[in-house]
Amino acid sequence: MRICLVVTTLLLVFVVSPAFAEEFCVVQNPSTKKCKISNKKSDGTLMLIGTSCYPTADEAKAARKAAVECQKPKNQ
């Protein structure tokens, strides 16, 4: 009985833990054209930059710097 409880608990933790993993997305406000890092995908007011989110904030920051949409225009 005790082994069954332990196995069930471990299985539950294994299945549920990815739901609590935090993702970092690069999003842009279409009206101001400013990009930011968010832990939510687009909520309808912000556009997702790129095709996916990132597991760490550092990766999202690097993606924001590399994104063409997020680069400030250079004065000519």
C-alpha atoms as a PDB file:
ATOM      1  CA  MET A   1       0.000   0.000   0.000  1.00  0.00           C
ATOM      2  CA  ARG A   2       2.758   2.421   0.919  1.00  0.00           C
ATOM      3  CA  ILE A   3       4.639   1.722  -2.338  1.00  0.00           C
ATOM      4  CA  CYS A   4       1.492   2.402  -4.331  1.00  0.00           C
ATOM      5  CA  LEU A   5       1.067   5.762  -2.571  1.00  0.00           C
ATOM      6  CA  VAL A   6       4.698   6.741  -3.247  1.00  0.00           C
ATOM      7  CA  VAL A   7       4.489   5.734  -6.912  1.00  0.00           C
ATOM      8  CA  THR A   8       1.213   7.617  -7.361  1.00  0.00           C
ATOM      9  CA  THR A   9       2.633  10.726  -5.706  1.00  0.00           C
ATOM     10  CA  LEU A  10       5.756  10.672  -7.872  1.00  0.00           C
ATOM     11  CA  LEU A  11       3.695  10.194 -11.003  1.00  0.00           C
ATOM     12  CA  LEU A  12       1.458  13.100 -10.058  1.00  0.00           C
ATOM     13  CA  VAL A  13       4.447  15.368  -9.400  1.00  0.00           C
ATOM     14  CA  PHE A  14       6.002  14.347 -12.707  1.00  0.00           C
ATOM     15  CA  VAL A  15       2.825  15.119 -14.667  1.00  0.00           C
ATOM     16  CA  VAL A  16       1.864  18.368 -12.919  1.00  0.00           C
ATOM     17  CA  SER A  17       5.272  20.056 -12.523  1.00  0.00           C
ATOM     18  CA  PRO A  18       5.597  21.264 -16.157  1.00  0.00           C
ATOM     19  CA  ALA A  19       2.402  23.268 -15.663  1.00  0.00           C
ATOM     20  CA  PHE A  20       4.220  25.388 -13.083  1.00  0.00           C
ATOM     21  CA  ALA A  21       7.284  26.008 -15.257  1.00  0.00           C
ATOM     22  CA  GLU A  22       7.723  29.645 -16.082  1.00  0.00           C
ATOM     23  CA  GLU A  23       8.268  30.809 -19.635  1.00  0.00           C
ATOM     24  CA  PHE A  24       9.489  34.195 -20.796  1.00  0.00           C
ATOM     25  CA  CYS A  25       8.138  35.692 -24.014  1.00  0.00           C
ATOM     26  CA  VAL A  26       9.198  38.701 -26.049  1.00  0.00           C
ATOM     27  CA  VAL A  27       6.111  40.818 -26.705  1.00  0.00           C
ATOM     28  CA  GLN A  28       5.561  44.154 -28.412  1.00  0.00           C
ATOM     29  CA  ASN A  29       2.970  46.856 -27.865  1.00  0.00           C
ATOM     30  CA  PRO A  30       1.715  47.593 -31.410  1.00  0.00           C
ATOM     31  CA  SER A  31       0.890  51.237 -30.711  1.00  0.00           C
ATOM     32  CA  THR A  32       4.200  52.225 -29.091  1.00  0.00           C
ATOM     33  CA  LYS A  33       6.391  49.599 -30.849  1.00  0.00           C
ATOM     34  CA  LYS A  34       8.161  48.951 -27.528  1.00  0.00           C
ATOM     35  CA  CYS A  35       9.221  45.407 -26.722  1.00  0.00           C
ATOM     36  CA  LYS A  36       9.365  43.833 -23.288  1.00  0.00           C
ATOM     37  CA  ILE A  37       9.855  40.473 -21.628  1.00  0.00           C
ATOM     38  CA  SER A  38       6.657  38.970 -20.260  1.00  0.00           C
ATOM     39  CA  ASN A  39       5.848  35.731 -18.497  1.00  0.00           C
ATOM     40  CA  LYS A  40       2.562  35.566 -20.417  1.00  0.00           C
ATOM     41  CA  LYS A  41       1.936  35.021 -24.083  1.00  0.00           C
ATOM     42  CA  SER A  42      -0.014  37.697 -25.922  1.00  0.00           C
ATOM     43  CA  ASP A  43      -3.224  38.650 -24.156  1.00  0.00           C
ATOM     44  CA  GLY A  44      -4.682  40.271 -27.264  1.00  0.00           C
ATOM     45  CA  THR A  45      -3.143  43.688 -26.693  1.00  0.00           C
ATOM     46  CA  LEU A  46       0.486  42.630 -27.178  1.00  0.00           C
ATOM     47  CA  MET A  47       2.063  40.862 -30.155  1.00  0.00           C
ATOM     48  CA  LEU A  48       4.316  37.862 -29.608  1.00  0.00           C
ATOM     49  CA  ILE A  49       7.698  38.429 -31.245  1.00  0.00           C
ATOM     50  CA  GLY A  50       9.163  35.218 -32.636  1.00  0.00           C
ATOM     51  CA  THR A  51       7.531  31.830 -32.693  1.00  0.00           C
ATOM     52  CA  SER A  52       7.855  30.703 -29.098  1.00  0.00           C
ATOM     53  CA  CYS A  53       8.741  31.604 -25.526  1.00  0.00           C
ATOM     54  CA  TYR A  54      12.001  30.877 -23.706  1.00  0.00           C
ATOM     55  CA  PRO A  55      12.750  28.903 -20.538  1.00  0.00           C
ATOM     56  CA  THR A  56      14.974  31.617 -19.033  1.00  0.00           C
ATOM     57  CA  ALA A  57      14.833  35.399 -18.862  1.00  0.00           C
ATOM     58  CA  ASP A  58      18.393  35.634 -20.218  1.00  0.00           C
ATOM     59  CA  GLU A  59      17.419  33.776 -23.394  1.00  0.00           C
ATOM     60  CA  ALA A  60      14.398  36.047 -23.826  1.00  0.00           C
ATOM     61  CA  LYS A  61      16.575  39.151 -23.380  1.00  0.00           C
ATOM     62  CA  ALA A  62      18.991  37.881 -26.027  1.00  0.00           C
ATOM     63  CA  ALA A  63      16.065  37.220 -28.382  1.00  0.00           C
ATOM     64  CA  ARG A  64      14.722  40.726 -27.760  1.00  0.00           C
ATOM     65  CA  LYS A  65      18.086  42.242 -28.661  1.00  0.00           C
ATOM     66  CA  ALA A  66      18.259  40.163 -31.840  1.00  0.00           C
ATOM     67  CA  ALA A  67      14.671  40.787 -32.972  1.00  0.00           C
ATOM     68  CA  VAL A  68      14.411  43.197 -35.886  1.00  0.00           C
ATOM     69  CA  GLU A  69      11.019  44.426 -34.643  1.00  0.00           C
ATOM     70  CA  CYS A  70      12.521  45.492 -31.320  1.00  0.00           C
ATOM     71  CA  GLN A  71      15.531  47.400 -32.612  1.00  0.00           C
ATOM     72  CA  LYS A  72      15.458  51.152 -32.314  1.00  0.00           C
ATOM     73  CA  PRO A  73      15.649  52.955 -35.645  1.00  0.00           C
ATOM     74  CA  LYS A  74      19.030  54.448 -36.357  1.00  0.00           C
ATOM     75  CA  ASN A  75      19.133  58.130 -37.226  1.00  0.00           C
ATOM     76  CA  GLN A  76      20.327  58.677 -40.739  1.00  0.00           C
END
